Structures are given as C-alpha cells and as structure tokens.
Amino acid sequence: MVDEFPVPPIGEVALGTVLSALADPHRRQVVLALLSGGGAERACASFALPKAKSTRTHHWRVLRDAGLVRQRNAGNGTFVRLRDEFEGRFPGLLALLADLDHAPSASTVDE
C-alpha cells in the first residue's frame, strides 16, 4: 500500500514559507541532497536528521507544507523527492540555493 502525504497546491505555495523552511540547516541539507541526486526519490531514513522521531517528523512536515517535497509511505519505509512542479513556481530558486551552498562564505574570503 502506497500513501502519499498531502501537499499544498503549488499555486498556493508562498515564497516566505519556502524561505522559512530553507532557513533550517537540516532541512536545507535535505533539499540540497535531493537536488544533487537529480530528482531521485530517497528513503527518509537515509538523511542525517536529529534522532528524535518527533523532530524528524516535524522537519518532513515543514518541507511538505512549504511545497518543496513529496513524501510517501510505502509500508516498508517512507520516501521523499523534490516536487517536479516547484521549479515552475519559483524558477531558479533551488539552483541559486545550490550555488550559494558551494560559494565561499564571507568569513573565508580574503579582502
């Protein structure tokens, strides 16, 4: 039995909600890992999130509610992937996030 968790319609996803979700370093690393995986689905357990189940559940809910990911329960595990339609709603945002993640920080740049 496969159950997909509900997500908001992409047209209702607000930029502020997305940015708030991405402000957390754990959630940002999840999105970056999914992005670097070329859109492939991954087991939720494969991510290094805090150990407490309630905390992990909270992170997944925030990412779903922000419209960033789709998540499904497949009986033997829970799986997550980036929403295909996200790029159409906020063109270039995830690419910018990936670029910023690879850019040197201001504290490491010599002036």
Protein backbone atom coordinates (compact mmCIF):
# COMPACT_ATOMS: atom_id res chain seq x y z
CA MET A 1 0.00 0.00 0.00
CA VAL A 2 1.40 3.39 -1.01
CA ASP A 3 0.10 6.52 0.68
CA GLU A 4 1.29 9.95 -0.38
CA PHE A 5 1.23 12.65 2.27
CA PRO A 6 -0.84 15.73 1.35
CA VAL A 7 0.93 18.79 -0.04
CA PRO A 8 -0.47 22.24 -0.81
CA PRO A 9 -1.34 23.07 -4.42
CA ILE A 10 1.78 24.57 -5.98
CA GLY A 11 -0.06 27.82 -6.77
CA GLU A 12 -0.69 28.36 -3.05
CA VAL A 13 2.96 27.94 -2.01
CA ALA A 14 4.30 31.25 -0.69
CA LEU A 15 7.92 32.34 -1.05
CA GLY A 16 8.11 33.29 2.64
CA THR A 17 7.07 29.78 3.65
CA VAL A 18 9.72 28.27 1.36
CA LEU A 19 12.46 30.55 2.67
CA SER A 20 11.45 29.85 6.26
CA ALA A 21 11.68 26.10 5.63
CA LEU A 22 15.10 26.51 4.00
CA ALA A 23 16.41 28.63 6.87
CA ASP A 24 16.92 25.50 8.96
CA PRO A 25 20.27 23.85 8.12
CA HIS A 26 18.91 20.28 8.42
CA ARG A 27 16.07 20.94 6.00
CA ARG A 28 18.35 22.88 3.66
CA GLN A 29 20.77 19.93 3.52
CA VAL A 30 17.88 17.56 2.73
CA VAL A 31 16.81 19.75 -0.20
CA LEU A 32 20.39 20.09 -1.44
CA ALA A 33 20.92 16.33 -1.23
CA LEU A 34 17.73 15.69 -3.20
CA LEU A 35 18.75 18.33 -5.72
CA SER A 36 22.20 16.80 -6.20
CA GLY A 37 20.54 13.41 -6.67
CA GLY A 38 18.89 14.62 -9.86
CA GLY A 39 15.36 14.40 -8.52
CA ALA A 40 15.62 10.77 -7.47
CA GLU A 41 13.48 9.55 -4.62
CA ARG A 42 15.29 8.66 -1.39
CA ALA A 43 14.39 6.90 1.81
CA CYS A 44 13.70 9.41 4.57
CA ALA A 45 15.85 7.29 6.90
CA SER A 46 18.89 7.93 4.65
CA PHE A 47 19.18 11.54 5.82
CA ALA A 48 21.17 12.61 8.88
CA LEU A 49 18.39 14.31 10.82
CA PRO A 50 18.11 14.59 14.62
CA LYS A 51 17.37 11.25 16.28
CA ALA A 52 14.05 12.08 17.95
CA LYS A 53 11.20 10.80 15.78
CA SER A 54 9.04 13.82 16.59
CA THR A 55 11.80 16.16 15.38
CA ARG A 56 12.28 14.24 12.13
CA THR A 57 8.51 14.22 11.58
CA HIS A 58 8.44 17.97 12.13
CA HIS A 59 11.18 18.57 9.52
CA TRP A 60 9.36 16.46 6.91
CA ARG A 61 6.07 18.25 7.59
CA VAL A 62 7.68 21.68 7.23
CA LEU A 63 9.24 20.68 3.89
CA ARG A 64 5.91 19.30 2.62
CA ASP A 65 3.92 22.32 3.82
CA ALA A 66 6.43 24.62 2.12
CA GLY A 67 5.73 22.83 -1.16
CA LEU A 68 9.31 21.64 -1.57
CA VAL A 69 8.89 17.87 -1.38
CA ARG A 70 6.51 14.99 -1.88
CA GLN A 71 6.62 12.20 0.66
CA ARG A 72 5.07 8.75 0.54
CA ASN A 73 4.70 5.84 2.91
CA ALA A 74 5.40 2.57 1.11
CA GLY A 75 4.77 0.24 4.04
CA ASN A 76 8.42 -0.73 4.39
CA GLY A 77 9.61 2.86 4.66
CA THR A 78 8.90 6.48 3.92
CA PHE A 79 10.35 8.06 0.80
CA VAL A 80 10.84 11.66 -0.27
CA ARG A 81 11.56 13.53 -3.51
CA LEU A 82 11.56 17.13 -4.68
CA ARG A 83 8.31 18.30 -6.24
CA ASP A 84 8.67 18.40 -10.02
CA GLU A 85 6.44 21.47 -10.28
CA PHE A 86 8.43 23.54 -7.76
CA GLU A 87 10.81 24.90 -10.42
CA GLY A 88 7.85 26.25 -12.38
CA ARG A 89 6.60 28.14 -9.33
CA PHE A 90 9.98 29.61 -8.31
CA PRO A 91 12.29 29.38 -11.34
CA GLY A 92 15.96 29.20 -10.42
CA LEU A 93 15.48 29.28 -6.64
CA LEU A 94 16.85 25.79 -5.99
CA ALA A 95 19.75 26.33 -8.40
CA LEU A 96 20.58 29.55 -6.56
CA LEU A 97 20.45 27.68 -3.25
CA ALA A 98 22.89 25.08 -4.60
CA ASP A 99 25.21 27.79 -5.94
CA LEU A 100 25.18 29.63 -2.61
CA ASP A 101 25.93 26.40 -0.77
CA HIS A 102 29.11 25.96 -2.86
CA ALA A 103 30.20 29.61 -2.69
CA PRO A 104 32.86 30.60 -0.16
CA SER A 105 31.44 32.35 2.87
CA ALA A 106 32.28 35.98 3.56
CA SER A 107 34.44 34.92 6.51
CA THR A 108 36.68 32.76 4.28
CA VAL A 109 37.25 35.30 1.53
CA ASP A 110 40.43 37.38 1.84
CA GLU A 111 39.91 41.09 1.43
